[in-house]
Amino acid sequence: MGSCTPRAEFHSSSCPWGPPGTNPLLLAVLIIPLVDKNSGAVVCVILVHCGQLSDSDEQNLRALERHALVAVRRLQALQKLQPWPQVSLSTSSSQTSLAKAEKAPDSSYSDLDCKILQLCGELYDLDAASLQLKVINYLKQETQSLCCCLLLVSEDNHQLFCQVVGDRVLDEEISFSLTFGRLGQVVEDKKPITLKDISEAILSMLQDMNFINTYKMDRQTLTRFCLMVKKGYRDPPYHNWMHAFSVSHFCYLLYKNLELVNYLEDIEIFALFISCMCHDLDHRGTNNSFQVASVSRAQSRDGHHFAQAIAILNSQGCNIFDHFSRKDYQRMLDLMRDIILATDLAHHLRIFKDLQKMAEVGYDSKNKQHRSLLLCLLMTSCDLSDQTKGWKTTRKIAELIYKEFFSQGDLEKAMGNSPLEMMDREKAYIPELQISFMEHIAMPIYKLLQDLFPKAAELYERVASNREQWTKVSHKFTIRGLPSNNSLDFLDEEYDPQVPDPQLNGCLEPEVGQPAEAGAE
């Protein structure tokens, strides 16, 4: 167990298992396989959402694993006697409770042993679903976790299934294959793993870039700020916290691989990274035109994102710039405003000629305008970095983006308006739209980046490669025709060209051992 427990710098001794109060970034999900010693097979998997574990906590958890195995054996026996749908949550009929046995538990039993004896007695004559619910509640109580989940492994070792989710007993069981994913990995390897909140990787990246020490940031304040930013994102298909993290992570990769410290001042790089985190705060899944047309005040979407960032900084205990001088504080806010507003592609097109001129004459780090233009270019490069990923990822991201576009198109139709073709699910042809976007927006952006940073050449090459894949897809469906009048349906078709991804050696991959790897999952 020791190798799989979460490691973090923020420790709360008051509640090591459960929510650490002011340090919720410590929370992680432990995925623990329970192995039957007789058969050597994994019989179930426990998911525990908890905090940092001390050595004594780990010992208690190992004891809980043994206790859970006892309950699971009883659960398996009940399954064979009684199908899942027959659920009785009544515990009043338990007549054979070991807790009421004539002989009290031996005093040598630990407190945990006594509790499991009582649990087994209470559950002796209950049905399988009730037993699973009791076991989950027991584990949750003993680990002080936010929630626990118990997933049973099928006899053929091909599926995980359960009928209890949270504190609810479902009418029918749910199941899924063990052929992929982390749960399948745990069952196959018979070793526990820990999944951390990717927000913690933000702290690791800031630490690695030395901003925490340079700007003497209070770690508790930084933790709260990160959590508030995460909370500030809604859940549209694409413009959510995962997108913000991906953009921030790409900024970190550029910082490491392009050696941005030689091109920009520290405060400018810091502002760029924080802007990447905040650049789509409170995004509603609609674009600027729709947002301005739908609200009474004519504030652009990007201006709203900056305003949300300021609101978080003004929240109690969240001002990570609190130790800045008045001059640096104002400069940081000015930089964030300009960088976030630069995510508007209309702004990018307005400064494109200036960017080309800068690339032609050569970048001068002493030129304030050059640094400002470079920050805008880097922000746009990070924002569109999904186009630099592998083909399968790029294809999946396109599906998320167009789901969001088509939702806006549906709203516009409901309002009596005619949406743009790219937002009309009945008219949009995604391959051609993607080819046009990559040719007119993405490829010129990464070509500029390549001109300024030769090491960024692989980014341009990957975008060009993905453009070729969209061309092949377009040609295929021009011949075959779309499967329906819903533009998203073709994404469900199997059309992967089976082109292996090239080996990457720079901006697209974090360096070995860098903290970004933890967040890239």
Protein backbone atom coordinates (compact mmCIF):
# COMPACT_ATOMS: atom_id res chain seq x y z
CA MET A 1 0.00 0.00 0.00
CA GLY A 2 2.80 2.40 0.79
CA SER A 3 3.81 2.92 -2.82
CA CYS A 4 0.33 3.86 -3.95
CA THR A 5 -0.68 6.39 -1.34
CA PRO A 6 -0.98 10.05 -2.33
CA ARG A 7 1.96 12.30 -1.63
CA ALA A 8 1.47 16.02 -1.11
CA GLU A 9 3.11 18.95 0.57
CA PHE A 10 0.00 20.23 2.33
CA HIS A 11 -0.66 18.04 5.34
CA SER A 12 -3.58 18.23 7.72
CA SER A 13 -3.14 16.13 10.83
CA SER A 14 -6.65 16.79 12.09
CA CYS A 15 -8.35 14.53 9.56
CA PRO A 16 -5.80 12.48 7.60
CA TRP A 17 -8.30 10.15 5.92
CA GLY A 18 -11.11 12.46 5.05
CA PRO A 19 -11.48 15.93 3.54
CA PRO A 20 -8.53 17.97 4.87
CA GLY A 21 -10.60 21.12 5.32
CA THR A 22 -8.45 23.91 4.00
CA ASN A 23 -6.39 21.56 1.82
CA PRO A 24 -8.86 19.63 -0.36
CA LEU A 25 -6.25 19.28 -3.09
CA LEU A 26 -4.86 16.46 -0.98
CA LEU A 27 -7.86 14.36 -1.92
CA ALA A 28 -7.26 11.39 -4.16
CA VAL A 29 -9.03 8.20 -5.18
CA LEU A 30 -7.46 4.97 -3.99
CA ILE A 31 -8.29 2.00 -6.21
CA ILE A 32 -7.67 -1.12 -4.16
CA PRO A 33 -8.04 -4.70 -5.46
CA LEU A 34 -9.03 -7.29 -2.85
CA VAL A 35 -7.35 -10.62 -3.60
CA ASP A 36 -8.70 -13.91 -2.32
CA LYS A 37 -5.73 -15.80 -0.89
CA ASN A 38 -7.21 -19.21 -1.70
CA SER A 39 -7.86 -18.58 -5.39
CA GLY A 40 -5.31 -15.80 -5.94
CA ALA A 41 -7.93 -13.88 -7.92
CA VAL A 42 -9.24 -10.36 -7.43
CA VAL A 43 -12.79 -10.67 -6.11
CA CYS A 44 -13.66 -6.99 -5.86
CA VAL A 45 -12.28 -3.47 -6.15
CA ILE A 46 -12.72 -0.73 -3.56
CA LEU A 47 -12.65 2.93 -4.54
CA VAL A 48 -11.96 5.28 -1.61
CA HIS A 49 -12.05 9.05 -2.03
CA CYS A 50 -9.87 10.24 0.82
CA GLY A 51 -6.94 12.39 1.86
CA GLN A 52 -3.30 11.84 2.73
CA LEU A 53 -2.61 8.65 4.67
CA SER A 54 -0.18 8.33 7.55
CA ASP A 55 1.61 5.05 8.31
CA SER A 56 -0.98 4.14 10.92
CA ASP A 57 -3.77 4.97 8.45
CA GLU A 58 -2.23 2.58 5.94
CA GLN A 59 -2.16 -0.19 8.54
CA ASN A 60 -5.81 0.43 9.36
CA LEU A 61 -6.66 0.37 5.66
CA ARG A 62 -4.98 -3.01 5.26
CA ALA A 63 -7.11 -4.26 8.16
CA LEU A 64 -10.20 -2.85 6.49
CA GLU A 65 -9.26 -4.75 3.34
CA ARG A 66 -9.34 -8.01 5.29
CA HIS A 67 -12.67 -7.06 6.81
CA ALA A 68 -14.10 -6.20 3.40
CA LEU A 69 -13.02 -9.60 2.09
CA VAL A 70 -15.05 -11.28 4.83
CA ALA A 71 -18.11 -9.26 3.80
CA VAL A 72 -17.50 -9.91 0.10
CA ARG A 73 -17.43 -13.68 0.65
CA ARG A 74 -20.81 -13.37 2.33
CA LEU A 75 -21.96 -11.16 -0.53
CA GLN A 76 -20.90 -13.76 -3.11
CA ALA A 77 -22.80 -16.44 -1.23
CA LEU A 78 -25.93 -14.29 -1.18
CA GLN A 79 -25.61 -13.56 -4.90
CA LYS A 80 -25.82 -17.25 -5.70
CA LEU A 81 -28.90 -17.61 -3.52
CA GLN A 82 -30.69 -14.43 -4.47
CA PRO A 83 -30.70 -12.31 -7.68
CA TRP A 84 -29.86 -8.60 -7.48
CA PRO A 85 -33.33 -7.08 -8.09
CA GLN A 86 -34.70 -8.49 -4.81
CA VAL A 87 -33.75 -5.72 -2.46
CA SER A 88 -34.71 -5.42 1.17
CA LEU A 89 -33.13 -2.67 3.18
CA SER A 90 -34.68 -3.70 6.46
CA THR A 91 -32.20 -4.74 9.12
CA SER A 92 -34.74 -5.26 11.89
CA SER A 93 -35.19 -8.96 11.10
CA SER A 94 -31.63 -9.89 11.83
CA GLN A 95 -32.06 -12.69 14.38
CA THR A 96 -28.61 -14.20 14.19
CA SER A 97 -26.50 -11.15 14.81
CA LEU A 98 -23.03 -12.02 15.95
CA ALA A 99 -23.07 -8.74 17.79
CA LYS A 100 -25.72 -10.28 20.05
CA ALA A 101 -23.94 -13.57 20.49
CA GLU A 102 -23.89 -15.02 23.97
CA LYS A 103 -20.14 -14.64 24.21
CA ALA A 104 -18.80 -11.13 23.83
CA PRO A 105 -15.85 -10.54 21.49
CA ASP A 106 -12.50 -11.35 22.99
CA SER A 107 -10.83 -8.32 24.53
CA SER A 108 -7.78 -8.98 22.39
CA TYR A 109 -9.74 -7.97 19.32
CA SER A 110 -8.92 -4.54 17.92
CA ASP A 111 -11.61 -1.91 17.67
CA LEU A 112 -11.79 -2.53 13.92
CA ASP A 113 -12.18 -6.29 14.47
CA CYS A 114 -15.05 -5.70 16.86
CA LYS A 115 -16.76 -3.48 14.31
CA ILE A 116 -16.46 -6.02 11.53
CA LEU A 117 -17.83 -8.74 13.80
CA GLN A 118 -20.81 -6.53 14.54
CA LEU A 119 -21.20 -5.73 10.84
CA CYS A 120 -21.18 -9.39 9.87
CA GLY A 121 -23.77 -10.17 12.52
CA GLU A 122 -26.05 -7.36 11.40
CA LEU A 123 -25.85 -8.44 7.77
CA TYR A 124 -26.08 -12.17 8.17
CA ASP A 125 -29.60 -12.59 6.80
CA LEU A 126 -29.81 -9.62 4.43
CA ASP A 127 -29.89 -9.70 0.64
CA ALA A 128 -26.87 -8.95 -1.53
CA ALA A 129 -27.71 -5.33 -2.36
CA SER A 130 -28.36 -4.44 1.27
CA LEU A 131 -25.10 -6.07 2.25
CA GLN A 132 -23.17 -4.10 -0.33
CA LEU A 133 -24.76 -0.87 0.88
CA LYS A 134 -23.83 -1.69 4.47
CA VAL A 135 -20.24 -2.52 3.53
CA ILE A 136 -19.88 0.75 1.61
CA ASN A 137 -21.27 2.76 4.51
CA TYR A 138 -18.93 0.92 6.89
CA LEU A 139 -15.89 1.65 4.74
CA LYS A 140 -16.93 5.28 4.31
CA GLN A 141 -17.33 5.72 8.04
CA GLU A 142 -14.06 4.04 8.96
CA THR A 143 -12.00 5.94 6.36
CA GLN A 144 -13.79 9.29 6.92
CA SER A 145 -13.88 9.57 3.15
CA LEU A 146 -16.21 11.57 0.97
CA CYS A 147 -17.46 8.38 -0.63
CA CYS A 148 -16.59 4.74 -1.19
CA CYS A 149 -17.55 2.32 -3.90
CA LEU A 150 -17.43 -1.47 -3.97
CA LEU A 151 -17.24 -3.11 -7.40
CA LEU A 152 -17.44 -6.88 -7.69
CA VAL A 153 -15.46 -8.89 -10.23
CA SER A 154 -17.48 -11.38 -12.27
CA GLU A 155 -16.60 -15.06 -12.04
CA ASP A 156 -15.19 -15.04 -15.58
CA ASN A 157 -12.97 -12.07 -14.60
CA HIS A 158 -14.28 -10.04 -17.55
CA GLN A 159 -16.50 -7.49 -15.86
CA LEU A 160 -16.94 -5.29 -12.82
CA PHE A 161 -20.48 -4.81 -11.58
CA CYS A 162 -22.50 -3.36 -8.74
CA GLN A 163 -26.02 -2.46 -7.81
CA VAL A 164 -25.15 0.22 -5.28
CA VAL A 165 -23.93 3.70 -6.23
CA GLY A 166 -23.31 6.10 -3.38
CA ASP A 167 -26.13 5.55 -0.90
CA ARG A 168 -28.60 4.34 -3.56
CA VAL A 169 -29.58 0.80 -4.46
CA LEU A 170 -30.33 0.64 -8.17
CA ASP A 171 -33.23 -1.30 -9.65
CA GLU A 172 -30.81 -3.05 -11.99
CA GLU A 173 -27.11 -3.70 -11.72
CA ILE A 174 -24.56 -1.80 -13.78
CA SER A 175 -21.50 -3.45 -15.28
CA PHE A 176 -18.60 -2.63 -17.54
CA SER A 177 -15.72 -4.45 -19.18
CA LEU A 178 -12.32 -4.93 -17.59
CA THR A 179 -10.52 -4.82 -20.93
CA PHE A 180 -9.50 -1.18 -20.56
CA GLY A 181 -9.08 1.63 -18.07
CA ARG A 182 -7.49 1.96 -14.66
CA LEU A 183 -9.91 -0.42 -12.98
CA GLY A 184 -9.01 -3.15 -15.44
CA GLN A 185 -5.34 -2.41 -14.83
CA VAL A 186 -5.78 -2.83 -11.08
CA VAL A 187 -7.56 -6.18 -11.47
CA GLU A 188 -4.91 -7.47 -13.89
CA ASP A 189 -1.90 -6.27 -11.88
CA LYS A 190 -3.48 -6.97 -8.46
CA LYS A 191 -1.82 -3.81 -7.22
CA PRO A 192 -3.50 -0.68 -5.85
CA ILE A 193 -3.04 2.69 -7.50
CA THR A 194 -3.85 6.29 -6.62
CA LEU A 195 -5.56 8.80 -8.87
CA LYS A 196 -4.91 12.38 -7.82
CA ASP A 197 -6.96 15.42 -8.67
CA ILE A 198 -5.21 16.99 -11.65
CA SER A 199 -5.46 20.33 -9.83
CA GLU A 200 -2.51 19.18 -7.75
CA ALA A 201 -0.41 19.06 -10.92
CA ILE A 202 -0.98 22.82 -11.25
CA LEU A 203 0.86 23.28 -7.96
CA SER A 204 3.66 20.99 -9.13
CA MET A 205 4.10 22.97 -12.33
CA LEU A 206 4.14 26.30 -10.48
CA GLN A 207 6.69 24.85 -8.09
CA ASP A 208 8.86 23.56 -10.92
CA MET A 209 8.78 26.95 -12.63
CA ASN A 210 9.90 28.42 -9.30
CA PHE A 211 7.03 30.92 -9.11
CA ILE A 212 5.95 29.82 -5.62
CA ASN A 213 9.35 30.70 -4.18
CA THR A 214 10.06 33.70 -6.37
CA TYR A 215 6.81 35.45 -5.47
CA LYS A 216 6.65 34.08 -1.90
CA MET A 217 3.14 32.74 -2.41
CA ASP A 218 1.35 31.35 0.60
CA ARG A 219 0.66 27.70 -0.17
CA GLN A 220 -2.73 27.65 1.51
CA THR A 221 -3.78 30.70 -0.48
CA LEU A 222 -2.52 29.14 -3.70
CA THR A 223 -4.45 25.95 -2.96
CA ARG A 224 -7.67 27.88 -2.40
CA PHE A 225 -7.10 29.92 -5.55
CA CYS A 226 -6.63 26.76 -7.65
CA LEU A 227 -9.78 25.22 -6.23
CA MET A 228 -11.80 28.37 -6.80
CA VAL A 229 -10.62 28.53 -10.42
CA LYS A 230 -11.60 24.89 -10.92
CA LYS A 231 -14.97 25.57 -9.31
CA GLY A 232 -15.42 28.60 -11.56
CA TYR A 233 -15.70 26.45 -14.67
CA ARG A 234 -19.05 25.14 -15.80
CA ASP A 235 -19.45 21.82 -17.56
CA PRO A 236 -20.04 22.37 -21.28
CA PRO A 237 -18.66 19.60 -23.51
CA TYR A 238 -15.41 21.41 -24.32
CA HIS A 239 -14.83 24.71 -22.49
CA ASN A 240 -14.55 23.19 -19.02
CA TRP A 241 -11.84 22.72 -16.38
CA MET A 242 -10.19 19.91 -18.34
CA HIS A 243 -9.67 22.31 -21.25
CA ALA A 244 -8.24 24.96 -18.90
CA PHE A 245 -5.86 22.42 -17.39
CA SER A 246 -4.79 21.18 -20.82
CA VAL A 247 -4.05 24.74 -21.93
CA SER A 248 -2.08 25.42 -18.73
CA HIS A 249 -0.14 22.19 -19.11
CA PHE A 250 0.78 23.09 -22.69
CA CYS A 251 2.02 26.47 -21.41
CA TYR A 252 4.25 24.59 -18.99
CA LEU A 253 5.59 22.43 -21.83
CA LEU A 254 6.39 25.50 -23.89
CA TYR A 255 8.11 27.07 -20.87
CA LYS A 256 10.32 24.00 -20.46
CA ASN A 257 11.05 23.11 -24.07
CA LEU A 258 11.26 26.55 -25.65
CA GLU A 259 13.15 28.01 -22.68
CA LEU A 260 10.84 30.98 -22.38
CA VAL A 261 12.94 32.44 -19.57
CA ASN A 262 15.30 33.65 -22.32
CA TYR A 263 12.51 35.53 -24.10
CA LEU A 264 10.20 36.93 -21.43
CA GLU A 265 10.37 38.36 -17.93
CA ASP A 266 9.39 36.13 -15.00
CA ILE A 267 6.27 38.13 -14.20
CA GLU A 268 5.16 37.87 -17.84
CA ILE A 269 5.52 34.07 -17.86
CA PHE A 270 3.73 33.85 -14.53
CA ALA A 271 0.90 36.00 -15.89
CA LEU A 272 0.71 33.78 -18.98
CA PHE A 273 0.34 30.61 -16.90
CA ILE A 274 -2.30 32.06 -14.57
CA SER A 275 -4.14 33.44 -17.61
CA CYS A 276 -4.16 29.96 -19.14
CA MET A 277 -5.84 28.68 -15.98
CA CYS A 278 -8.44 31.47 -15.99
CA HIS A 279 -8.94 32.19 -19.68
CA ASP A 280 -12.36 30.49 -20.01
CA LEU A 281 -13.77 30.96 -16.50
CA ASP A 282 -17.57 30.65 -16.37
CA HIS A 283 -17.73 29.76 -20.07
CA ARG A 284 -21.36 29.00 -20.96
CA GLY A 285 -20.60 27.05 -24.12
CA THR A 286 -21.49 29.94 -26.44
CA ASN A 287 -19.37 32.32 -28.48
CA ASN A 288 -18.88 36.09 -28.23
CA SER A 289 -21.60 37.02 -30.70
CA PHE A 290 -24.23 34.94 -28.94
CA GLN A 291 -23.13 36.14 -25.51
CA VAL A 292 -23.30 39.82 -26.40
CA ALA A 293 -26.62 39.41 -28.21
CA SER A 294 -28.15 37.47 -25.31
CA VAL A 295 -27.27 39.71 -22.34
CA SER A 296 -28.20 43.26 -21.51
CA ARG A 297 -24.66 44.48 -20.99
CA ALA A 298 -22.36 44.36 -23.97
CA GLN A 299 -19.39 42.67 -22.32
CA SER A 300 -17.44 40.25 -24.46
CA ARG A 301 -17.10 36.67 -23.32
CA ASP A 302 -13.35 37.09 -22.84
CA GLY A 303 -13.87 40.24 -20.80
CA HIS A 304 -16.20 38.21 -18.62
CA HIS A 305 -13.53 35.55 -18.07
CA PHE A 306 -11.09 38.21 -16.86
CA ALA A 307 -13.75 39.69 -14.58
CA GLN A 308 -14.32 36.23 -13.08
CA ALA A 309 -10.58 35.88 -12.44
CA ILE A 310 -10.56 39.21 -10.61
CA ALA A 311 -13.58 38.11 -8.56
CA ILE A 312 -11.68 35.00 -7.45
CA LEU A 313 -8.62 37.05 -6.52
CA ASN A 314 -10.87 39.31 -4.46
CA SER A 315 -12.39 36.33 -2.62
CA GLN A 316 -11.27 35.84 0.94
CA GLY A 317 -8.05 33.85 1.19
CA CYS A 318 -7.54 33.55 -2.59
CA ASN A 319 -5.33 36.52 -3.52
CA ILE A 320 -2.12 34.83 -4.66
CA PHE A 321 -0.65 38.25 -5.52
CA ASP A 322 -1.15 39.60 -2.02
CA HIS A 323 2.59 40.03 -1.41
CA PHE A 324 3.20 41.91 -4.66
CA SER A 325 4.20 45.55 -4.62
CA ARG A 326 1.51 47.92 -5.83
CA LYS A 327 3.39 48.35 -9.12
CA ASP A 328 3.80 44.61 -9.74
CA TYR A 329 0.21 43.95 -8.69
CA GLN A 330 -1.15 46.40 -11.25
CA ARG A 331 1.18 45.09 -13.92
CA MET A 332 0.10 41.51 -13.26
CA LEU A 333 -3.57 42.42 -13.67
CA ASP A 334 -2.83 44.41 -16.84
CA LEU A 335 -0.93 41.45 -18.29
CA MET A 336 -3.71 39.01 -17.41
CA ARG A 337 -6.32 41.25 -19.00
CA ASP A 338 -4.37 41.60 -22.24
CA ILE A 339 -3.48 37.91 -22.41
CA ILE A 340 -7.02 36.66 -21.73
CA LEU A 341 -8.49 39.10 -24.25
CA ALA A 342 -5.95 37.74 -26.77
CA THR A 343 -7.84 34.41 -26.80
CA ASP A 344 -10.42 36.07 -29.02
CA LEU A 345 -9.43 34.94 -32.52
CA ALA A 346 -10.67 38.27 -33.90
CA HIS A 347 -7.94 39.90 -31.81
CA HIS A 348 -5.40 37.44 -33.18
CA LEU A 349 -6.34 38.27 -36.75
CA ARG A 350 -5.96 41.99 -36.01
CA ILE A 351 -2.38 41.57 -34.79
CA PHE A 352 -1.37 38.86 -37.27
CA LYS A 353 0.54 41.23 -39.56
CA ASP A 354 2.42 42.60 -36.55
CA LEU A 355 3.34 39.05 -35.56
CA GLN A 356 4.60 38.34 -39.07
CA LYS A 357 6.68 41.50 -39.07
CA MET A 358 8.18 40.58 -35.68
CA ALA A 359 9.13 37.15 -37.00
CA GLU A 360 10.70 38.69 -40.11
CA VAL A 361 12.86 41.28 -38.32
CA GLY A 362 13.71 38.98 -35.43
CA TYR A 363 12.44 38.91 -31.88
CA ASP A 364 13.96 41.42 -29.48
CA SER A 365 13.35 40.65 -25.81
CA LYS A 366 14.14 44.27 -24.94
CA ASN A 367 11.32 45.48 -27.16
CA LYS A 368 8.18 45.83 -25.02
CA GLN A 369 5.87 45.50 -28.04
CA HIS A 370 7.63 42.29 -29.10
CA ARG A 371 7.13 40.78 -25.65
CA SER A 372 3.48 41.77 -25.70
CA LEU A 373 2.97 40.23 -29.15
CA LEU A 374 4.79 37.06 -28.11
CA LEU A 375 2.56 36.67 -25.05
CA CYS A 376 -0.51 36.91 -27.28
CA LEU A 377 0.91 34.35 -29.71
CA LEU A 378 1.82 31.96 -26.91
CA MET A 379 -1.64 32.26 -25.36
CA THR A 380 -3.29 31.47 -28.69
CA SER A 381 -0.88 28.56 -29.25
CA CYS A 382 -1.80 27.12 -25.86
CA ASP A 383 -5.52 27.67 -26.40
CA LEU A 384 -5.45 25.77 -29.71
CA SER A 385 -2.96 23.13 -28.57
CA ASP A 386 -5.50 20.32 -29.07
CA GLN A 387 -4.69 20.63 -32.77
CA THR A 388 -1.11 19.54 -32.01
CA LYS A 389 -2.09 16.29 -30.30
CA GLY A 390 -2.32 12.82 -31.82
CA TRP A 391 -5.00 12.16 -34.42
CA LYS A 392 -7.32 10.21 -32.13
CA THR A 393 -7.22 12.97 -29.54
CA THR A 394 -7.77 15.68 -32.13
CA ARG A 395 -10.76 13.78 -33.52
CA LYS A 396 -12.28 13.36 -30.06
CA ILE A 397 -11.76 17.05 -29.25
CA ALA A 398 -13.51 17.98 -32.49
CA GLU A 399 -16.53 15.98 -31.37
CA LEU A 400 -16.64 17.90 -28.07
CA ILE A 401 -16.23 21.27 -29.78
CA TYR A 402 -19.01 20.64 -32.29
CA LYS A 403 -21.34 19.31 -29.62
CA GLU A 404 -20.94 22.71 -27.99
CA PHE A 405 -21.35 24.56 -31.29
CA PHE A 406 -24.49 22.63 -32.19
CA SER A 407 -26.02 23.26 -28.77
CA GLN A 408 -25.64 26.99 -29.43
CA GLY A 409 -27.09 26.50 -32.90
CA ASP A 410 -30.11 24.76 -31.40
CA LEU A 411 -30.59 27.68 -29.00
CA GLU A 412 -30.38 30.18 -31.83
CA LYS A 413 -32.99 28.25 -33.82
CA ALA A 414 -35.26 28.20 -30.76
CA MET A 415 -34.86 32.00 -30.58
CA GLY A 416 -35.94 32.32 -34.21
CA ASN A 417 -32.46 33.05 -35.54
CA SER A 418 -30.40 31.32 -38.21
CA PRO A 419 -27.11 29.96 -36.81
CA LEU A 420 -23.86 29.96 -38.70
CA GLU A 421 -23.30 26.86 -40.80
CA MET A 422 -20.61 25.63 -38.41
CA MET A 423 -23.19 25.69 -35.59
CA ASP A 424 -26.02 24.06 -37.49
CA ARG A 425 -25.98 20.30 -36.90
CA GLU A 426 -27.98 19.75 -40.08
CA LYS A 427 -25.67 21.73 -42.36
CA ALA A 428 -22.16 21.59 -40.90
CA TYR A 429 -19.67 19.27 -42.58
CA ILE A 430 -17.07 18.86 -39.86
CA PRO A 431 -14.11 17.62 -41.96
CA GLU A 432 -14.24 20.62 -44.29
CA LEU A 433 -14.76 23.02 -41.39
CA GLN A 434 -11.75 21.54 -39.62
CA ILE A 435 -9.58 21.72 -42.75
CA SER A 436 -10.52 25.36 -43.23
CA PHE A 437 -9.81 26.19 -39.58
CA MET A 438 -6.44 24.49 -39.65
CA GLU A 439 -5.38 26.08 -42.93
CA HIS A 440 -6.46 29.62 -42.07
CA ILE A 441 -5.94 29.75 -38.29
CA ALA A 442 -4.02 26.90 -36.66
CA MET A 443 -1.26 26.27 -39.22
CA PRO A 444 -0.33 29.96 -39.61
CA ILE A 445 -0.15 30.27 -35.80
CA TYR A 446 2.23 27.35 -35.38
CA LYS A 447 4.21 28.42 -38.43
CA LEU A 448 4.85 31.73 -36.68
CA LEU A 449 5.83 29.87 -33.54
CA GLN A 450 8.20 27.72 -35.57
CA ASP A 451 9.78 30.82 -37.15
CA LEU A 452 10.41 32.26 -33.69
CA PHE A 453 11.36 28.97 -32.00
CA PRO A 454 12.91 26.33 -34.26
CA LYS A 455 12.25 23.72 -31.56
CA ALA A 456 8.53 24.24 -32.15
CA ALA A 457 8.77 22.79 -35.67
CA GLU A 458 7.17 19.52 -34.56
CA LEU A 459 4.06 21.41 -33.45
CA TYR A 460 3.54 22.75 -36.96
CA GLU A 461 4.28 19.31 -38.41
CA ARG A 462 1.69 17.66 -36.19
CA VAL A 463 -0.99 20.22 -37.11
CA ALA A 464 -0.18 19.67 -40.78
CA SER A 465 -0.41 15.91 -40.27
CA ASN A 466 -3.83 16.21 -38.62
CA ARG A 467 -4.96 18.40 -41.48
CA GLU A 468 -4.05 15.59 -43.86
CA GLN A 469 -6.08 13.13 -41.79
CA TRP A 470 -9.14 15.39 -42.00
CA THR A 471 -8.61 15.53 -45.77
CA LYS A 472 -8.70 11.73 -45.95
CA VAL A 473 -11.85 11.65 -43.83
CA SER A 474 -13.50 14.27 -46.02
CA HIS A 475 -12.65 12.33 -49.17
CA LYS A 476 -14.04 9.12 -47.69
CA PHE A 477 -17.37 10.63 -46.72
CA THR A 478 -17.63 12.62 -49.95
CA ILE A 479 -17.73 9.24 -51.66
CA ARG A 480 -19.85 7.37 -49.13
CA GLY A 481 -22.05 10.19 -47.92
CA LEU A 482 -22.83 11.05 -44.31
CA PRO A 483 -24.70 8.44 -42.26
CA SER A 484 -27.49 10.94 -41.42
CA ASN A 485 -28.41 14.62 -41.43
CA ASN A 486 -26.83 14.99 -37.99
CA SER A 487 -23.27 16.16 -38.55
CA LEU A 488 -22.02 14.45 -35.39
CA ASP A 489 -23.09 11.00 -36.48
CA PHE A 490 -20.14 10.50 -38.79
CA LEU A 491 -17.79 10.75 -35.80
CA ASP A 492 -19.24 7.45 -34.61
CA GLU A 493 -18.11 5.76 -37.82
CA GLU A 494 -14.90 3.76 -37.88
CA TYR A 495 -12.72 5.77 -40.21
CA ASP A 496 -9.37 5.83 -38.43
CA PRO A 497 -6.72 5.87 -41.20
CA GLN A 498 -4.48 3.69 -39.00
CA VAL A 499 -1.53 6.03 -39.39
CA PRO A 500 0.94 5.52 -36.52
CA ASP A 501 1.78 8.61 -34.53
CA PRO A 502 5.33 9.83 -35.12
CA GLN A 503 7.84 9.76 -32.31
CA LEU A 504 7.81 13.00 -30.38
CA ASN A 505 10.81 14.63 -28.83
CA GLY A 506 9.95 18.06 -27.54
CA CYS A 507 7.00 20.37 -27.06
CA LEU A 508 4.37 17.68 -27.31
CA GLU A 509 5.69 15.57 -24.46
CA PRO A 510 6.80 16.50 -20.92
CA GLU A 511 10.35 15.67 -19.97
CA VAL A 512 10.88 12.44 -18.10
CA GLY A 513 10.36 12.94 -14.40
CA GLN A 514 8.63 16.27 -14.72
CA PRO A 515 5.53 16.81 -12.58
CA ALA A 516 3.37 17.47 -15.63
CA GLU A 517 3.18 13.74 -16.24
CA ALA A 518 0.86 13.31 -13.26
CA GLY A 519 -1.57 15.81 -14.66
CA ALA A 520 -1.50 14.65 -18.21
CA GLU A 521 -3.67 11.64 -17.49
